[in-house]
Amino acid sequence: MTTSLGRKFFGSTRGRLVTLLRRRGQTVDELAAEVGLTNNGVRAHLAMLERDGLVTQQGSVRSSNGGGKPAYVYQLTLEAEDLFPKAYEPILGRLLDVLSEGLGPEESEALLREVGRRIAEGRKVPDGGVRARLEEAVATLNELGGLAELEEHDGGFLIRGYSCPLVAVTPDHSEVCCMAETLISELAGAPVREHCDREIGPRCCFEVMPSESADGK
């Protein structure tokens, strides 16, 4: 789904350059002809896109218009793909619908908990107490697209999220929070209880039980 911010960007000159480079690598001359700017104008926009890590120069060069001075070929970086709309959210929502209807809530939750375990298996658990392991759990949630912080609370810990990485599906499928709960528990090596707010603007909240975390403070 394309947001209004995304539409605004892709309607700009830089957005048009990014769209053109998504098709194939191009030279400044080729891009200038496409967008109706001077070469220097295109170079200024490319410099900004390079600064933002969205565009890079290829190592190889080719002659522009069949001759003359060789010209660099510009291409998108892997990071630039994040600018484009993805089908993940609607597909995930429909997949969860099918799982819930076909398996029932208990089996669907068990399957999602297994997903959480598998994600945890791919992370390196740091040496040290619960705090170090919870910091790794927070880093994992943030890499998945969340915005979470670790807090001390009543002798234990809270992981409080200010942006849910699965915000598009949590209102209709609260079971996805169990996946994150299991992920955190596996990394922390301690029981975790989910207290997520799934109302307007869902926010994550996970409590590590105080009796289990005392040795890691």
Foldseek 3Di string as FASTA:
>chain_A
DADPVLVVQCVDLLVVVQVVQVVHWDFLVVSCVVPVHDSVVSVVSVVVCVVVQFKDWDPDWADPPHDDDTTTTMHTDPVNVVSDDDCVQVVVQVVLVCCCVPPNDVVSLVVLLVVLVVLLVPDDQDDAALVSLLVSLQVSQVVLPWAWDWDDDPQWIKIKTQAHSNLSRCLPCVSNLSSSQSNSCNSRVAHKDWDWDNDPRTITMITGDNVRRNVRD
